[in-house]
Amino acid sequence: DHDTIIDATKCGNLARFINHCCTPNCYA
């Protein structure tokens, strides 16, 4: 949201490896 960001750079899970696609099969 406006105030909060999740940083998965050094302590995240596998979700950080999800790539962008203009026609994706998922949504956040």
mmCIF file of all heavy atoms, coordinates in Angstrom:
data_MODEL
# 
_entry.id   MODEL 
# 
loop_
_atom_site.group_PDB 
_atom_site.id 
_atom_site.type_symbol 
_atom_site.label_atom_id 
_atom_site.label_alt_id 
_atom_site.label_comp_id 
_atom_site.label_asym_id 
_atom_site.label_entity_id 
_atom_site.label_seq_id 
_atom_site.pdbx_PDB_ins_code 
_atom_site.Cartn_x 
_atom_site.Cartn_y 
_atom_site.Cartn_z 
_atom_site.occupancy 
_atom_site.B_iso_or_equiv 
_atom_site.pdbx_formal_charge 
_atom_site.auth_seq_id 
_atom_site.auth_comp_id 
_atom_site.auth_asym_id 
_atom_site.auth_atom_id 
_atom_site.pdbx_PDB_model_num 
ATOM 1   N N   . ASP A 1 1  ? 0.858  -1.178  0.000   1.00 0.00 ? 1  ASP A N   1 
ATOM 2   C CA  . ASP A 1 1  ? 0.000  0.000   0.000   1.00 0.00 ? 1  ASP A CA  1 
ATOM 3   C C   . ASP A 1 1  ? 0.897  1.232   0.000   1.00 0.00 ? 1  ASP A C   1 
ATOM 4   O O   . ASP A 1 1  ? 2.117  1.121   -0.190  1.00 0.00 ? 1  ASP A O   1 
ATOM 5   C CB  . ASP A 1 1  ? -0.979 -0.019  1.183   1.00 0.00 ? 1  ASP A CB  1 
ATOM 6   C CG  . ASP A 1 1  ? -0.298 -0.092  2.543   1.00 0.00 ? 1  ASP A CG  1 
ATOM 7   O OD1 . ASP A 1 1  ? 0.860  0.380   2.678   1.00 0.00 ? 1  ASP A OD1 1 
ATOM 8   O OD2 . ASP A 1 1  ? -0.903 -0.620  3.481   1.00 0.00 ? 1  ASP A OD2 1 
ATOM 9   N N   . HIS A 1 2  ? 0.322  2.391   0.251   1.00 0.00 ? 2  HIS A N   1 
ATOM 10  C CA  . HIS A 1 2  ? 1.073  3.654   0.212   1.00 0.00 ? 2  HIS A CA  1 
ATOM 11  C C   . HIS A 1 2  ? 2.258  3.647   1.180   1.00 0.00 ? 2  HIS A C   1 
ATOM 12  O O   . HIS A 1 2  ? 3.307  4.216   0.885   1.00 0.00 ? 2  HIS A O   1 
ATOM 13  C CB  . HIS A 1 2  ? 0.130  4.832   0.519   1.00 0.00 ? 2  HIS A CB  1 
ATOM 14  C CG  . HIS A 1 2  ? 0.807  6.152   0.481   1.00 0.00 ? 2  HIS A CG  1 
ATOM 15  N ND1 . HIS A 1 2  ? 1.244  6.728   -0.702  1.00 0.00 ? 2  HIS A ND1 1 
ATOM 16  C CD2 . HIS A 1 2  ? 1.159  7.005   1.474   1.00 0.00 ? 2  HIS A CD2 1 
ATOM 17  C CE1 . HIS A 1 2  ? 1.828  7.877   -0.419  1.00 0.00 ? 2  HIS A CE1 1 
ATOM 18  N NE2 . HIS A 1 2  ? 1.781  8.080   0.874   1.00 0.00 ? 2  HIS A NE2 1 
ATOM 19  N N   . ASP A 1 3  ? 2.112  3.003   2.325   1.00 0.00 ? 3  ASP A N   1 
ATOM 20  C CA  . ASP A 1 3  ? 3.127  3.048   3.376   1.00 0.00 ? 3  ASP A CA  1 
ATOM 21  C C   . ASP A 1 3  ? 4.006  1.815   3.482   1.00 0.00 ? 3  ASP A C   1 
ATOM 22  O O   . ASP A 1 3  ? 5.076  1.874   4.074   1.00 0.00 ? 3  ASP A O   1 
ATOM 23  C CB  . ASP A 1 3  ? 2.446  3.237   4.749   1.00 0.00 ? 3  ASP A CB  1 
ATOM 24  C CG  . ASP A 1 3  ? 1.604  4.502   4.802   1.00 0.00 ? 3  ASP A CG  1 
ATOM 25  O OD1 . ASP A 1 3  ? 2.071  5.535   4.313   1.00 0.00 ? 3  ASP A OD1 1 
ATOM 26  O OD2 . ASP A 1 3  ? 0.476  4.431   5.317   1.00 0.00 ? 3  ASP A OD2 1 
ATOM 27  N N   . THR A 1 4  ? 3.577  0.697   2.955   1.00 0.00 ? 4  THR A N   1 
ATOM 28  C CA  . THR A 1 4  ? 4.245  -0.580  3.224   1.00 0.00 ? 4  THR A CA  1 
ATOM 29  C C   . THR A 1 4  ? 4.740  -1.257  1.954   1.00 0.00 ? 4  THR A C   1 
ATOM 30  O O   . THR A 1 4  ? 4.030  -1.319  0.955   1.00 0.00 ? 4  THR A O   1 
ATOM 31  C CB  . THR A 1 4  ? 3.282  -1.540  3.948   1.00 0.00 ? 4  THR A CB  1 
ATOM 32  O OG1 . THR A 1 4  ? 2.703  -0.862  5.067   1.00 0.00 ? 4  THR A OG1 1 
ATOM 33  C CG2 . THR A 1 4  ? 4.008  -2.780  4.440   1.00 0.00 ? 4  THR A CG2 1 
ATOM 34  N N   . ILE A 1 5  ? 5.959  -1.782  2.041   1.00 0.00 ? 5  ILE A N   1 
ATOM 35  C CA  . ILE A 1 5  ? 6.577  -2.538  0.953   1.00 0.00 ? 5  ILE A CA  1 
ATOM 36  C C   . ILE A 1 5  ? 7.114  -3.829  1.550   1.00 0.00 ? 5  ILE A C   1 
ATOM 37  O O   . ILE A 1 5  ? 7.628  -3.830  2.672   1.00 0.00 ? 5  ILE A O   1 
ATOM 38  C CB  . ILE A 1 5  ? 7.712  -1.715  0.308   1.00 0.00 ? 5  ILE A CB  1 
ATOM 39  C CG1 . ILE A 1 5  ? 7.107  -0.498  -0.399  1.00 0.00 ? 5  ILE A CG1 1 
ATOM 40  C CG2 . ILE A 1 5  ? 8.532  -2.558  -0.659  1.00 0.00 ? 5  ILE A CG2 1 
ATOM 41  C CD1 . ILE A 1 5  ? 8.083  0.566   -0.743  1.00 0.00 ? 5  ILE A CD1 1 
ATOM 42  N N   . ILE A 1 6  ? 6.986  -4.926  0.815   1.00 0.00 ? 6  ILE A N   1 
ATOM 43  C CA  . ILE A 1 6  ? 7.589  -6.185  1.244   1.00 0.00 ? 6  ILE A CA  1 
ATOM 44  C C   . ILE A 1 6  ? 8.900  -6.352  0.484   1.00 0.00 ? 6  ILE A C   1 
ATOM 45  O O   . ILE A 1 6  ? 8.916  -6.318  -0.743  1.00 0.00 ? 6  ILE A O   1 
ATOM 46  C CB  . ILE A 1 6  ? 6.653  -7.389  0.992   1.00 0.00 ? 6  ILE A CB  1 
ATOM 47  C CG1 . ILE A 1 6  ? 5.404  -7.282  1.864   1.00 0.00 ? 6  ILE A CG1 1 
ATOM 48  C CG2 . ILE A 1 6  ? 7.389  -8.701  1.275   1.00 0.00 ? 6  ILE A CG2 1 
ATOM 49  C CD1 . ILE A 1 6  ? 4.391  -8.382  1.646   1.00 0.00 ? 6  ILE A CD1 1 
ATOM 50  N N   . ASP A 1 7  ? 9.992  -6.499  1.237   1.00 0.00 ? 7  ASP A N   1 
ATOM 51  C CA  . ASP A 1 7  ? 11.314 -6.694  0.648   1.00 0.00 ? 7  ASP A CA  1 
ATOM 52  C C   . ASP A 1 7  ? 11.691 -8.163  0.790   1.00 0.00 ? 7  ASP A C   1 
ATOM 53  O O   . ASP A 1 7  ? 11.940 -8.657  1.881   1.00 0.00 ? 7  ASP A O   1 
ATOM 54  C CB  . ASP A 1 7  ? 12.350 -5.811  1.355   1.00 0.00 ? 7  ASP A CB  1 
ATOM 55  C CG  . ASP A 1 7  ? 13.740 -5.935  0.748   1.00 0.00 ? 7  ASP A CG  1 
ATOM 56  O OD1 . ASP A 1 7  ? 13.915 -6.703  -0.214  1.00 0.00 ? 7  ASP A OD1 1 
ATOM 57  O OD2 . ASP A 1 7  ? 14.655 -5.260  1.255   1.00 0.00 ? 7  ASP A OD2 1 
ATOM 58  N N   . ALA A 1 8  ? 11.730 -8.854  -0.349  1.00 0.00 ? 8  ALA A N   1 
ATOM 59  C CA  . ALA A 1 8  ? 12.083 -10.283 -0.362  1.00 0.00 ? 8  ALA A CA  1 
ATOM 60  C C   . ALA A 1 8  ? 13.492 -10.496 -0.923  1.00 0.00 ? 8  ALA A C   1 
ATOM 61  O O   . ALA A 1 8  ? 13.859 -11.617 -1.246  1.00 0.00 ? 8  ALA A O   1 
ATOM 62  C CB  . ALA A 1 8  ? 11.060 -11.059 -1.189  1.00 0.00 ? 8  ALA A CB  1 
ATOM 63  N N   . THR A 1 9  ? 14.272 -9.412  -1.023  1.00 0.00 ? 9  THR A N   1 
ATOM 64  C CA  . THR A 1 9  ? 15.591 -9.504  -1.640  1.00 0.00 ? 9  THR A CA  1 
ATOM 65  C C   . THR A 1 9  ? 16.514 -10.473 -0.913  1.00 0.00 ? 9  THR A C   1 
ATOM 66  O O   . THR A 1 9  ? 17.148 -11.322 -1.533  1.00 0.00 ? 9  THR A O   1 
ATOM 67  C CB  . THR A 1 9  ? 16.247 -8.109  -1.721  1.00 0.00 ? 9  THR A CB  1 
ATOM 68  O OG1 . THR A 1 9  ? 15.346 -7.220  -2.387  1.00 0.00 ? 9  THR A OG1 1 
ATOM 69  C CG2 . THR A 1 9  ? 17.566 -8.163  -2.477  1.00 0.00 ? 9  THR A CG2 1 
ATOM 70  N N   . LYS A 1 10 ? 16.587 -10.357 0.405   1.00 0.00 ? 10 LYS A N   1 
ATOM 71  C CA  . LYS A 1 10 ? 17.523 -11.205 1.160   1.00 0.00 ? 10 LYS A CA  1 
ATOM 72  C C   . LYS A 1 10 ? 16.825 -12.233 2.043   1.00 0.00 ? 10 LYS A C   1 
ATOM 73  O O   . LYS A 1 10 ? 17.470 -13.151 2.527   1.00 0.00 ? 10 LYS A O   1 
ATOM 74  C CB  . LYS A 1 10 ? 18.444 -10.329 2.008   1.00 0.00 ? 10 LYS A CB  1 
ATOM 75  C CG  . LYS A 1 10 ? 19.404 -9.511  1.152   1.00 0.00 ? 10 LYS A CG  1 
ATOM 76  C CD  . LYS A 1 10 ? 20.435 -8.812  1.985   1.00 0.00 ? 10 LYS A CD  1 
ATOM 77  C CE  . LYS A 1 10 ? 21.452 -8.119  1.106   1.00 0.00 ? 10 LYS A CE  1 
ATOM 78  N NZ  . LYS A 1 10 ? 22.481 -7.426  1.886   1.00 0.00 ? 10 LYS A NZ  1 
ATOM 79  N N   . CYS A 1 11 ? 15.542 -12.061 2.288   1.00 0.00 ? 11 CYS A N   1 
ATOM 80  C CA  . CYS A 1 11 ? 14.845 -13.032 3.152   1.00 0.00 ? 11 CYS A CA  1 
ATOM 81  C C   . CYS A 1 11 ? 13.414 -13.244 2.660   1.00 0.00 ? 11 CYS A C   1 
ATOM 82  O O   . CYS A 1 11 ? 12.468 -12.990 3.366   1.00 0.00 ? 11 CYS A O   1 
ATOM 83  C CB  . CYS A 1 11 ? 14.864 -12.574 4.608   1.00 0.00 ? 11 CYS A CB  1 
ATOM 84  S SG  . CYS A 1 11 ? 14.027 -11.015 4.887   1.00 0.00 ? 11 CYS A SG  1 
ATOM 85  N N   . GLY A 1 12 ? 13.302 -13.734 1.447   1.00 0.00 ? 12 GLY A N   1 
ATOM 86  C CA  . GLY A 1 12 ? 11.985 -13.990 0.893   1.00 0.00 ? 12 GLY A CA  1 
ATOM 87  C C   . GLY A 1 12 ? 11.797 -15.469 0.603   1.00 0.00 ? 12 GLY A C   1 
ATOM 88  O O   . GLY A 1 12 ? 12.619 -16.297 0.985   1.00 0.00 ? 12 GLY A O   1 
ATOM 89  N N   . ASN A 1 13 ? 10.705 -15.776 -0.079  1.00 0.00 ? 13 ASN A N   1 
ATOM 90  C CA  . ASN A 1 13 ? 10.443 -17.158 -0.466  1.00 0.00 ? 13 ASN A CA  1 
ATOM 91  C C   . ASN A 1 13 ? 10.476 -17.279 -1.989  1.00 0.00 ? 13 ASN A C   1 
ATOM 92  O O   . ASN A 1 13 ? 10.884 -16.350 -2.685  1.00 0.00 ? 13 ASN A O   1 
ATOM 93  C CB  . ASN A 1 13 ? 9.108  -17.639 0.123   1.00 0.00 ? 13 ASN A CB  1 
ATOM 94  C CG  . ASN A 1 13 ? 7.918  -16.900 -0.456  1.00 0.00 ? 13 ASN A CG  1 
ATOM 95  O OD1 . ASN A 1 13 ? 8.042  -15.901 -1.159  1.00 0.00 ? 13 ASN A OD1 1 
ATOM 96  N ND2 . ASN A 1 13 ? 6.729  -17.381 -0.152  1.00 0.00 ? 13 ASN A ND2 1 
ATOM 97  N N   . LEU A 1 14 ? 10.046 -18.407 -2.509  1.00 0.00 ? 14 LEU A N   1 
ATOM 98  C CA  . LEU A 1 14 ? 10.104 -18.648 -3.946  1.00 0.00 ? 14 LEU A CA  1 
ATOM 99  C C   . LEU A 1 14 ? 9.257  -17.676 -4.771  1.00 0.00 ? 14 LEU A C   1 
ATOM 100 O O   . LEU A 1 14 ? 9.505  -17.511 -5.962  1.00 0.00 ? 14 LEU A O   1 
ATOM 101 C CB  . LEU A 1 14 ? 9.659  -20.084 -4.256  1.00 0.00 ? 14 LEU A CB  1 
ATOM 102 C CG  . LEU A 1 14 ? 10.607 -21.202 -3.835  1.00 0.00 ? 14 LEU A CG  1 
ATOM 103 C CD1 . LEU A 1 14 ? 9.989  -22.558 -4.162  1.00 0.00 ? 14 LEU A CD1 1 
ATOM 104 C CD2 . LEU A 1 14 ? 11.963 -21.055 -4.522  1.00 0.00 ? 14 LEU A CD2 1 
ATOM 105 N N   . ALA A 1 15 ? 8.288  -17.009 -4.159  1.00 0.00 ? 15 ALA A N   1 
ATOM 106 C CA  . ALA A 1 15 ? 7.427  -16.083 -4.901  1.00 0.00 ? 15 ALA A CA  1 
ATOM 107 C C   . ALA A 1 15 ? 8.237  -14.971 -5.560  1.00 0.00 ? 15 ALA A C   1 
ATOM 108 O O   . ALA A 1 15 ? 7.824  -14.422 -6.583  1.00 0.00 ? 15 ALA A O   1 
ATOM 109 C CB  . ALA A 1 15 ? 6.363  -15.488 -3.981  1.00 0.00 ? 15 ALA A CB  1 
ATOM 110 N N   . ARG A 1 16 ? 9.399  -14.648 -5.012  1.00 0.00 ? 16 ARG A N   1 
ATOM 111 C CA  . ARG A 1 16 ? 10.200 -13.562 -5.589  1.00 0.00 ? 16 ARG A CA  1 
ATOM 112 C C   . ARG A 1 16 ? 10.728 -13.914 -6.977  1.00 0.00 ? 16 ARG A C   1 
ATOM 113 O O   . ARG A 1 16 ? 11.154 -13.040 -7.722  1.00 0.00 ? 16 ARG A O   1 
ATOM 114 C CB  . ARG A 1 16 ? 11.342 -13.181 -4.659  1.00 0.00 ? 16 ARG A CB  1 
ATOM 115 C CG  . ARG A 1 16 ? 12.395 -14.239 -4.517  1.00 0.00 ? 16 ARG A CG  1 
ATOM 116 C CD  . ARG A 1 16 ? 13.412 -13.824 -3.493  1.00 0.00 ? 16 ARG A CD  1 
ATOM 117 N NE  . ARG A 1 16 ? 14.405 -14.881 -3.319  1.00 0.00 ? 16 ARG A NE  1 
ATOM 118 C CZ  . ARG A 1 16 ? 15.491 -14.749 -2.622  1.00 0.00 ? 16 ARG A CZ  1 
ATOM 119 N NH1 . ARG A 1 16 ? 15.753 -13.616 -2.011  1.00 0.00 ? 16 ARG A NH1 1 
ATOM 120 N NH2 . ARG A 1 16 ? 16.337 -15.743 -2.509  1.00 0.00 ? 16 ARG A NH2 1 
ATOM 121 N N   . PHE A 1 17 ? 10.695 -15.192 -7.351  1.00 0.00 ? 17 PHE A N   1 
ATOM 122 C CA  . PHE A 1 17 ? 11.176 -15.602 -8.668  1.00 0.00 ? 17 PHE A CA  1 
ATOM 123 C C   . PHE A 1 17 ? 10.099 -15.532 -9.754  1.00 0.00 ? 17 PHE A C   1 
ATOM 124 O O   . PHE A 1 17 ? 10.366 -15.846 -10.915 1.00 0.00 ? 17 PHE A O   1 
ATOM 125 C CB  . PHE A 1 17 ? 11.758 -17.015 -8.611  1.00 0.00 ? 17 PHE A CB  1 
ATOM 126 C CG  . PHE A 1 17 ? 12.990 -17.109 -7.770  1.00 0.00 ? 17 PHE A CG  1 
ATOM 127 C CD1 . PHE A 1 17 ? 12.960 -17.767 -6.550  1.00 0.00 ? 17 PHE A CD1 1 
ATOM 128 C CD2 . PHE A 1 17 ? 14.177 -16.516 -8.165  1.00 0.00 ? 17 PHE A CD2 1 
ATOM 129 C CE1 . PHE A 1 17 ? 14.093 -17.851 -5.753  1.00 0.00 ? 17 PHE A CE1 1 
ATOM 130 C CE2 . PHE A 1 17 ? 15.314 -16.583 -7.381  1.00 0.00 ? 17 PHE A CE2 1 
ATOM 131 C CZ  . PHE A 1 17 ? 15.273 -17.248 -6.166  1.00 0.00 ? 17 PHE A CZ  1 
ATOM 132 N N   . ILE A 1 18 ? 8.885  -15.126 -9.406  1.00 0.00 ? 18 ILE A N   1 
ATOM 133 C CA  . ILE A 1 18 ? 7.816  -15.038 -10.404 1.00 0.00 ? 18 ILE A CA  1 
ATOM 134 C C   . ILE A 1 18 ? 8.117  -13.876 -11.350 1.00 0.00 ? 18 ILE A C   1 
ATOM 135 O O   . ILE A 1 18 ? 8.325  -12.747 -10.914 1.00 0.00 ? 18 ILE A O   1 
ATOM 136 C CB  . ILE A 1 18 ? 6.432  -14.850 -9.756  1.00 0.00 ? 18 ILE A CB  1 
ATOM 137 C CG1 . ILE A 1 18 ? 6.115  -16.014 -8.812  1.00 0.00 ? 18 ILE A CG1 1 
ATOM 138 C CG2 . ILE A 1 18 ? 5.353  -14.716 -10.827 1.00 0.00 ? 18 ILE A CG2 1 
ATOM 139 C CD1 . ILE A 1 18 ? 4.834  -15.826 -8.016  1.00 0.00 ? 18 ILE A CD1 1 
ATOM 140 N N   . ASN A 1 19 ? 8.132  -14.167 -12.637 1.00 0.00 ? 19 ASN A N   1 
ATOM 141 C CA  . ASN A 1 19 ? 8.417  -13.154 -13.648 1.00 0.00 ? 19 ASN A CA  1 
ATOM 142 C C   . ASN A 1 19 ? 7.153  -12.428 -14.096 1.00 0.00 ? 19 ASN A C   1 
ATOM 143 O O   . ASN A 1 19 ? 6.041  -12.952 -14.000 1.00 0.00 ? 19 ASN A O   1 
ATOM 144 C CB  . ASN A 1 19 ? 9.091  -13.796 -14.868 1.00 0.00 ? 19 ASN A CB  1 
ATOM 145 C CG  . ASN A 1 19 ? 10.553 -14.051 -14.627 1.00 0.00 ? 19 ASN A CG  1 
ATOM 146 O OD1 . ASN A 1 19 ? 11.276 -13.165 -14.155 1.00 0.00 ? 19 ASN A OD1 1 
ATOM 147 N ND2 . ASN A 1 19 ? 11.015 -15.247 -14.940 1.00 0.00 ? 19 ASN A ND2 1 
ATOM 148 N N   . HIS A 1 20 ? 7.373  -11.227 -14.624 1.00 0.00 ? 20 HIS A N   1 
ATOM 149 C CA  . HIS A 1 20 ? 6.291  -10.435 -15.219 1.00 0.00 ? 20 HIS A CA  1 
ATOM 150 C C   . HIS A 1 20 ? 5.926  -11.015 -16.577 1.00 0.00 ? 20 HIS A C   1 
ATOM 151 O O   . HIS A 1 20 ? 6.783  -11.492 -17.321 1.00 0.00 ? 20 HIS A O   1 
ATOM 152 C CB  . HIS A 1 20 ? 6.736  -8.979  -15.417 1.00 0.00 ? 20 HIS A CB  1 
ATOM 153 C CG  . HIS A 1 20 ? 5.835  -8.225  -16.338 1.00 0.00 ? 20 HIS A CG  1 
ATOM 154 N ND1 . HIS A 1 20 ? 4.687  -7.603  -15.906 1.00 0.00 ? 20 HIS A ND1 1 
ATOM 155 C CD2 . HIS A 1 20 ? 5.893  -8.034  -17.679 1.00 0.00 ? 20 HIS A CD2 1 
ATOM 156 C CE1 . HIS A 1 20 ? 4.080  -7.036  -16.947 1.00 0.00 ? 20 HIS A CE1 1 
ATOM 157 N NE2 . HIS A 1 20 ? 4.801  -7.290  -18.031 1.00 0.00 ? 20 HIS A NE2 1 
ATOM 158 N N   . CYS A 1 21 ? 4.646  -10.917 -16.914 1.00 0.00 ? 21 CYS A N   1 
ATOM 159 C CA  . CYS A 1 21 ? 4.168  -11.251 -18.253 1.00 0.00 ? 21 CYS A CA  1 
ATOM 160 C C   . CYS A 1 21 ? 2.995  -10.328 -18.565 1.00 0.00 ? 21 CYS A C   1 
ATOM 161 O O   . CYS A 1 21 ? 2.183  -10.037 -17.682 1.00 0.00 ? 21 CYS A O   1 
ATOM 162 C CB  . CYS A 1 21 ? 3.738  -12.721 -18.328 1.00 0.00 ? 21 CYS A CB  1 
ATOM 163 S SG  . CYS A 1 21 ? 3.259  -13.232 -19.990 1.00 0.00 ? 21 CYS A SG  1 
ATOM 164 N N   . CYS A 1 22 ? 2.918  -9.865  -19.813 1.00 0.00 ? 22 CYS A N   1 
ATOM 165 C CA  . CYS A 1 22 ? 1.815  -8.996  -20.211 1.00 0.00 ? 22 CYS A CA  1 
ATOM 166 C C   . CYS A 1 22 ? 0.498  -9.760  -20.344 1.00 0.00 ? 22 CYS A C   1 
ATOM 167 O O   . CYS A 1 22 ? -0.577 -9.160  -20.297 1.00 0.00 ? 22 CYS A O   1 
ATOM 168 C CB  . CYS A 1 22 ? 2.159  -8.289  -21.520 1.00 0.00 ? 22 CYS A CB  1 
ATOM 169 S SG  . CYS A 1 22 ? 3.538  -7.131  -21.357 1.00 0.00 ? 22 CYS A SG  1 
ATOM 170 N N   . THR A 1 23 ? 0.583  -11.079 -20.523 1.00 0.00 ? 23 THR A N   1 
ATOM 171 C CA  . THR A 1 23 ? -0.608 -11.947 -20.510 1.00 0.00 ? 23 THR A CA  1 
ATOM 172 C C   . THR A 1 23 ? -0.370 -13.030 -19.455 1.00 0.00 ? 23 THR A C   1 
ATOM 173 O O   . THR A 1 23 ? -0.103 -14.186 -19.782 1.00 0.00 ? 23 THR A O   1 
ATOM 174 C CB  . THR A 1 23 ? -0.879 -12.567 -21.894 1.00 0.00 ? 23 THR A CB  1 
ATOM 175 O OG1 . THR A 1 23 ? 0.313  -13.219 -22.335 1.00 0.00 ? 23 THR A OG1 1 
ATOM 176 C CG2 . THR A 1 23 ? -1.305 -11.527 -22.907 1.00 0.00 ? 23 THR A CG2 1 
ATOM 177 N N   . PRO A 1 24 ? -0.453 -12.660 -18.179 1.00 0.00 ? 24 PRO A N   1 
ATOM 178 C CA  . PRO A 1 24 ? -0.092 -13.567 -17.091 1.00 0.00 ? 24 PRO A CA  1 
ATOM 179 C C   . PRO A 1 24 ? -1.142 -14.635 -16.819 1.00 0.00 ? 24 PRO A C   1 
ATOM 180 O O   . PRO A 1 24 ? -2.305 -14.496 -17.194 1.00 0.00 ? 24 PRO A O   1 
ATOM 181 C CB  . PRO A 1 24 ? 0.022  -12.622 -15.895 1.00 0.00 ? 24 PRO A CB  1 
ATOM 182 C CG  . PRO A 1 24 ? -0.973 -11.546 -16.187 1.00 0.00 ? 24 PRO A CG  1 
ATOM 183 C CD  . PRO A 1 24 ? -0.915 -11.356 -17.688 1.00 0.00 ? 24 PRO A CD  1 
ATOM 184 N N   . ASN A 1 25 ? -0.691 -15.698 -16.120 1.00 0.00 ? 25 ASN A N   1 
ATOM 185 C CA  . ASN A 1 25 ? -1.634 -16.743 -15.707 1.00 0.00 ? 25 ASN A CA  1 
ATOM 186 C C   . ASN A 1 25 ? -2.029 -16.586 -14.239 1.00 0.00 ? 25 ASN A C   1 
ATOM 187 O O   . ASN A 1 25 ? -2.825 -17.364 -13.729 1.00 0.00 ? 25 ASN A O   1 
ATOM 188 C CB  . ASN A 1 25 ? -1.074 -18.148 -15.989 1.00 0.00 ? 25 ASN A CB  1 
ATOM 189 C CG  . ASN A 1 25 ? 0.286  -18.382 -15.364 1.00 0.00 ? 25 ASN A CG  1 
ATOM 190 O OD1 . ASN A 1 25 ? 0.714  -17.669 -14.456 1.00 0.00 ? 25 ASN A OD1 1 
ATOM 191 N ND2 . ASN A 1 25 ? 1.000  -19.387 -15.865 1.00 0.00 ? 25 ASN A ND2 1 
ATOM 192 N N   . CYS A 1 26 ? -1.480 -15.560 -13.572 1.00 0.00 ? 26 CYS A N   1 
ATOM 193 C CA  . CYS A 1 26 ? -1.798 -15.295 -12.167 1.00 0.00 ? 26 CYS A CA  1 
ATOM 194 C C   . CYS A 1 26 ? -1.960 -13.801 -11.932 1.00 0.00 ? 26 CYS A C   1 
ATOM 195 O O   . CYS A 1 26 ? -1.636 -12.983 -12.794 1.00 0.00 ? 26 CYS A O   1 
ATOM 196 C CB  . CYS A 1 26 ? -0.675 -15.816 -11.255 1.00 0.00 ? 26 CYS A CB  1 
ATOM 197 S SG  . CYS A 1 26 ? -0.536 -17.608 -11.210 1.00 0.00 ? 26 CYS A SG  1 
ATOM 198 N N   . TYR A 1 27 ? -2.448 -13.463 -10.746 1.00 0.00 ? 27 TYR A N   1 
ATOM 199 C CA  . TYR A 1 27 ? -2.540 -12.062 -10.328 1.00 0.00 ? 27 TYR A CA  1 
ATOM 200 C C   . TYR A 1 27 ? -2.212 -11.978 -8.847  1.00 0.00 ? 27 TYR A C   1 
ATOM 201 O O   . TYR A 1 27 ? -2.341 -12.953 -8.108  1.00 0.00 ? 27 TYR A O   1 
ATOM 202 C CB  . TYR A 1 27 ? -3.926 -11.480 -10.622 1.00 0.00 ? 27 TYR A CB  1 
ATOM 203 C CG  . TYR A 1 27 ? -5.063 -12.124 -9.861  1.00 0.00 ? 27 TYR A CG  1 
ATOM 204 C CD1 . TYR A 1 27 ? -5.515 -11.598 -8.657  1.00 0.00 ? 27 TYR A CD1 1 
ATOM 205 C CD2 . TYR A 1 27 ? -5.693 -13.271 -10.344 1.00 0.00 ? 27 TYR A CD2 1 
ATOM 206 C CE1 . TYR A 1 27 ? -6.563 -12.191 -7.959  1.00 0.00 ? 27 TYR A CE1 1 
ATOM 207 C CE2 . TYR A 1 27 ? -6.731 -13.876 -9.661  1.00 0.00 ? 27 TYR A CE2 1 
ATOM 208 C CZ  . TYR A 1 27 ? -7.160 -13.330 -8.469  1.00 0.00 ? 27 TYR A CZ  1 
ATOM 209 O OH  . TYR A 1 27 ? -8.188 -13.919 -7.770  1.00 0.00 ? 27 TYR A OH  1 
ATOM 210 N N   . ALA A 1 28 ? -1.769 -10.807 -8.442  1.00 0.00 ? 28 ALA A N   1 
ATOM 211 C CA  . ALA A 1 28 ? -1.441 -10.560 -7.035  1.00 0.00 ? 28 ALA A CA  1 
ATOM 212 C C   . ALA A 1 28 ? -2.593 -9.821  -6.379  1.00 0.00 ? 28 ALA A C   1 
ATOM 213 O O   . ALA A 1 28 ? -3.213 -8.945  -6.987  1.00 0.00 ? 28 ALA A O   1 
ATOM 214 C CB  . ALA A 1 28 ? -0.169 -9.734  -6.941  1.00 0.00 ? 28 ALA A CB  1 
# 
